[in-house]
Amino acid sequence: MLLNLPYGTPVKTGIDVAAVDFVALLKELLVKSFNGYACITINGGNGVEEGVVLFDNGKVVASFYEYFKHVKTVQGDHAFVRVMNASSAKDGVIELFQLSNEQVQLILAFNEQAISIPTEKDYKNFKTASFSRTLEEQIRPPVENPSEAEVLKKYKITDAVEQAEAPATPVSPPVSEDELKDLLGQA
């Protein structure tokens, strides 16, 4: 992930995302006043995606989400929505890492744009029954089909393009004055 997180102390690793009620996990971490982060890594269908939710005394305080295929990272509330979507995936793992309170505060200080503080009501509102790829479509750059000239220019074949686009002028061998008179019938 583009985010540089301290490794922390592993609490649980390799948890099957399909076997976990993520909302229940969030509530459990709140009750335990958990300091650290949950990392969800899934196969989103178009490649690996990874979400991170940062906890401060059990409360979600920041979220990050990365689409590795597109080299795009989303932060804050938009990332939290994606993490909730990822929790509905069928293929992936969840890992929990404990951090000190100071480490959590340091992450927040350097990643203010990632701050996201959803409520328990938000957890239920964002929970989806099944994984959706529509969020990925929002971050993908639009696909544009390049013109023939752009493709040729990309491969540095511009001279061929210019020659192909230039109007053809008939080329005839030079004609002497006598041949010209013969052709015109003026002998």
Protein backbone atom coordinates (compact mmCIF):
# COMPACT_ATOMS: atom_id res chain seq x y z
CA MET A 1 0.00 0.00 0.00
CA LEU A 2 1.24 3.52 -0.69
CA LEU A 3 0.56 4.29 2.95
CA ASN A 4 3.57 3.70 5.16
CA LEU A 5 2.18 2.05 8.30
CA PRO A 6 4.22 0.66 11.17
CA TYR A 7 3.93 -3.11 11.21
CA GLY A 8 2.66 -3.26 14.78
CA THR A 9 1.93 -6.41 16.74
CA PRO A 10 -0.07 -9.00 14.78
CA VAL A 11 -3.28 -9.81 16.65
CA LYS A 12 -5.05 -11.97 14.06
CA THR A 13 -3.85 -12.82 10.55
CA GLY A 14 -5.22 -14.76 7.61
CA ILE A 15 -8.88 -14.43 8.61
CA ASP A 16 -11.15 -15.44 5.72
CA VAL A 17 -13.09 -12.31 4.78
CA ALA A 18 -16.10 -14.38 3.70
CA ALA A 19 -16.34 -15.97 7.15
CA VAL A 20 -16.42 -12.70 9.13
CA ASP A 21 -19.27 -10.35 9.99
CA PHE A 22 -17.23 -7.18 9.57
CA VAL A 23 -19.75 -4.95 11.37
CA ALA A 24 -19.60 -7.30 14.38
CA LEU A 25 -15.78 -7.17 14.24
CA LEU A 26 -15.86 -3.34 14.26
CA LYS A 27 -18.16 -3.41 17.31
CA GLU A 28 -15.90 -5.92 19.07
CA LEU A 29 -12.85 -3.71 18.49
CA LEU A 30 -14.79 -0.72 19.86
CA VAL A 31 -15.65 -2.62 23.06
CA LYS A 32 -11.99 -3.65 23.46
CA SER A 33 -10.75 -0.03 22.89
CA PHE A 34 -8.45 -1.38 20.16
CA ASN A 35 -5.50 0.74 18.98
CA GLY A 36 -4.20 -0.33 15.61
CA TYR A 37 -5.54 -1.18 12.20
CA ALA A 38 -7.49 -3.77 10.28
CA CYS A 39 -6.23 -4.58 6.81
CA ILE A 40 -8.52 -6.22 4.23
CA THR A 41 -6.85 -7.60 1.11
CA ILE A 42 -9.17 -9.00 -1.55
CA ASN A 43 -9.29 -10.13 -5.13
CA GLY A 44 -11.69 -7.54 -6.48
CA GLY A 45 -12.15 -9.24 -9.83
CA ASN A 46 -9.92 -6.77 -11.67
CA GLY A 47 -6.95 -7.31 -9.41
CA VAL A 48 -5.84 -7.00 -5.82
CA GLU A 49 -7.43 -4.32 -3.67
CA GLU A 50 -6.49 -3.44 -0.12
CA GLY A 51 -8.26 -1.43 2.55
CA VAL A 52 -7.04 -0.23 5.93
CA VAL A 53 -9.16 1.05 8.81
CA LEU A 54 -7.27 2.78 11.62
CA PHE A 55 -8.63 2.56 15.18
CA ASP A 56 -8.03 4.90 18.11
CA ASN A 57 -9.39 3.43 21.37
CA GLY A 58 -11.76 1.25 19.36
CA LYS A 59 -13.17 4.03 17.18
CA VAL A 60 -12.54 4.13 13.44
CA VAL A 61 -10.59 7.35 12.85
CA ALA A 62 -9.11 6.97 9.35
CA SER A 63 -9.48 4.84 6.23
CA PHE A 64 -7.34 4.06 3.21
CA TYR A 65 -8.08 1.98 0.13
CA GLU A 66 -5.80 1.05 -2.75
CA TYR A 67 -6.46 -0.41 -6.19
CA PHE A 68 -3.13 -1.97 -7.11
CA LYS A 69 -4.01 -2.48 -10.78
CA HIS A 70 -4.78 1.21 -11.25
CA VAL A 71 -2.13 2.48 -8.79
CA LYS A 72 -4.85 4.56 -7.11
CA THR A 73 -5.37 5.24 -3.42
CA VAL A 74 -8.56 6.63 -1.92
CA GLN A 75 -8.63 8.08 1.59
CA GLY A 76 -11.16 9.21 4.17
CA ASP A 77 -14.91 8.57 3.93
CA HIS A 78 -14.67 7.33 0.33
CA ALA A 79 -12.12 4.76 1.46
CA PHE A 80 -14.31 3.61 4.36
CA VAL A 81 -17.17 2.90 1.95
CA ARG A 82 -14.79 0.80 -0.13
CA VAL A 83 -13.56 -1.10 2.93
CA MET A 84 -17.16 -1.94 3.83
CA ASN A 85 -17.71 -3.10 0.24
CA ALA A 86 -14.53 -5.23 0.41
CA SER A 87 -15.80 -6.87 3.60
CA SER A 88 -18.50 -8.45 1.39
CA ALA A 89 -15.98 -10.05 -0.97
CA LYS A 90 -15.79 -13.82 -1.25
CA ASP A 91 -12.01 -14.05 -1.75
CA GLY A 92 -9.68 -12.27 0.66
CA VAL A 93 -8.20 -11.99 4.14
CA ILE A 94 -8.45 -9.67 7.12
CA GLU A 95 -5.51 -8.99 9.42
CA LEU A 96 -5.41 -7.02 12.66
CA PHE A 97 -2.33 -5.20 13.94
CA GLN A 98 -2.06 -3.50 17.31
CA LEU A 99 -0.28 -0.16 17.61
CA SER A 100 0.53 2.16 20.49
CA ASN A 101 -1.62 5.22 20.96
CA GLU A 102 1.37 7.36 19.94
CA GLN A 103 1.73 5.45 16.65
CA VAL A 104 -1.97 5.97 15.88
CA GLN A 105 -1.67 9.70 16.59
CA LEU A 106 1.42 9.94 14.38
CA ILE A 107 -0.39 8.24 11.47
CA LEU A 108 -3.28 10.69 11.85
CA ALA A 109 -0.92 13.67 11.99
CA PHE A 110 0.72 12.70 8.69
CA ASN A 111 -2.49 11.61 6.94
CA GLU A 112 -5.12 14.22 7.77
CA GLN A 113 -6.90 13.65 4.43
CA ALA A 114 -7.60 10.05 5.52
CA ILE A 115 -9.52 11.00 8.66
CA SER A 116 -12.91 9.33 8.63
CA ILE A 117 -15.02 8.88 11.74
CA PRO A 118 -18.10 6.81 10.85
CA THR A 119 -20.74 5.96 13.45
CA GLU A 120 -22.21 2.54 14.21
CA LYS A 121 -25.21 3.58 12.14
CA ASP A 122 -22.85 4.24 9.20
CA TYR A 123 -21.48 0.69 9.53
CA LYS A 124 -24.90 -0.75 8.82
CA ASN A 125 -25.66 1.77 6.06
CA PHE A 126 -22.44 0.98 4.21
CA LYS A 127 -22.61 -2.81 4.64
CA THR A 128 -23.43 -4.50 1.35
CA ALA A 129 -24.86 -7.95 0.78
CA SER A 130 -22.36 -8.70 -1.97
CA PHE A 131 -19.18 -7.17 -3.34
CA SER A 132 -19.73 -4.51 -6.00
CA ARG A 133 -17.24 -3.41 -8.67
CA THR A 134 -18.96 -0.06 -9.26
CA LEU A 135 -16.65 1.73 -6.81
CA GLU A 136 -13.63 0.68 -8.88
CA GLU A 137 -15.26 2.09 -12.00
CA GLN A 138 -15.36 5.51 -10.31
CA ILE A 139 -11.58 5.71 -10.00
CA ARG A 140 -10.60 4.19 -13.36
CA PRO A 141 -9.47 6.70 -15.95
CA PRO A 142 -11.77 6.81 -18.96
CA VAL A 143 -10.65 4.59 -21.80
CA GLU A 144 -10.00 6.56 -24.94
CA ASN A 145 -9.28 4.98 -28.28
CA PRO A 146 -6.39 6.81 -29.89
CA SER A 147 -6.67 7.90 -33.49
CA GLU A 148 -4.57 6.24 -36.17
CA ALA A 149 -2.34 9.31 -36.34
CA GLU A 150 -1.77 9.19 -32.54
CA VAL A 151 -0.77 5.53 -32.69
CA LEU A 152 1.65 6.15 -35.54
CA LYS A 153 3.06 9.17 -33.70
CA LYS A 154 3.52 7.06 -30.54
CA TYR A 155 5.67 4.63 -32.51
CA LYS A 156 7.52 7.51 -34.19
CA ILE A 157 6.15 6.83 -37.63
CA THR A 158 5.19 10.47 -38.21
CA ASP A 159 7.02 10.76 -41.54
CA ALA A 160 4.86 7.98 -42.94
CA VAL A 161 1.74 9.76 -41.68
CA GLU A 162 2.76 13.03 -43.29
CA GLN A 163 3.56 11.30 -46.57
CA ALA A 164 0.31 9.34 -46.50
CA GLU A 165 -1.69 12.49 -45.82
CA ALA A 166 0.06 14.59 -48.51
CA PRO A 167 -1.83 14.82 -51.80
CA ALA A 168 -0.26 12.77 -54.53
CA THR A 169 1.22 14.79 -57.38
CA PRO A 170 1.77 13.04 -60.66
CA VAL A 171 5.40 12.74 -61.55
CA SER A 172 6.33 12.42 -65.18
CA PRO A 173 9.72 12.25 -66.76
CA PRO A 174 11.05 15.51 -68.16
CA VAL A 175 9.97 16.16 -71.77
CA SER A 176 12.25 17.85 -74.27
CA GLU A 177 10.97 20.74 -76.41
CA ASP A 178 10.98 18.59 -79.56
CA GLU A 179 8.99 15.81 -77.85
CA LEU A 180 6.52 18.41 -76.66
CA LYS A 181 6.04 19.75 -80.20
CA ASP A 182 5.55 16.19 -81.50
CA LEU A 183 2.94 15.54 -78.86
CA LEU A 184 1.07 18.74 -79.71
CA GLY A 185 1.31 18.12 -83.42
CA GLN A 186 3.45 21.18 -84.17
CA ALA A 187 6.27 19.75 -86.10
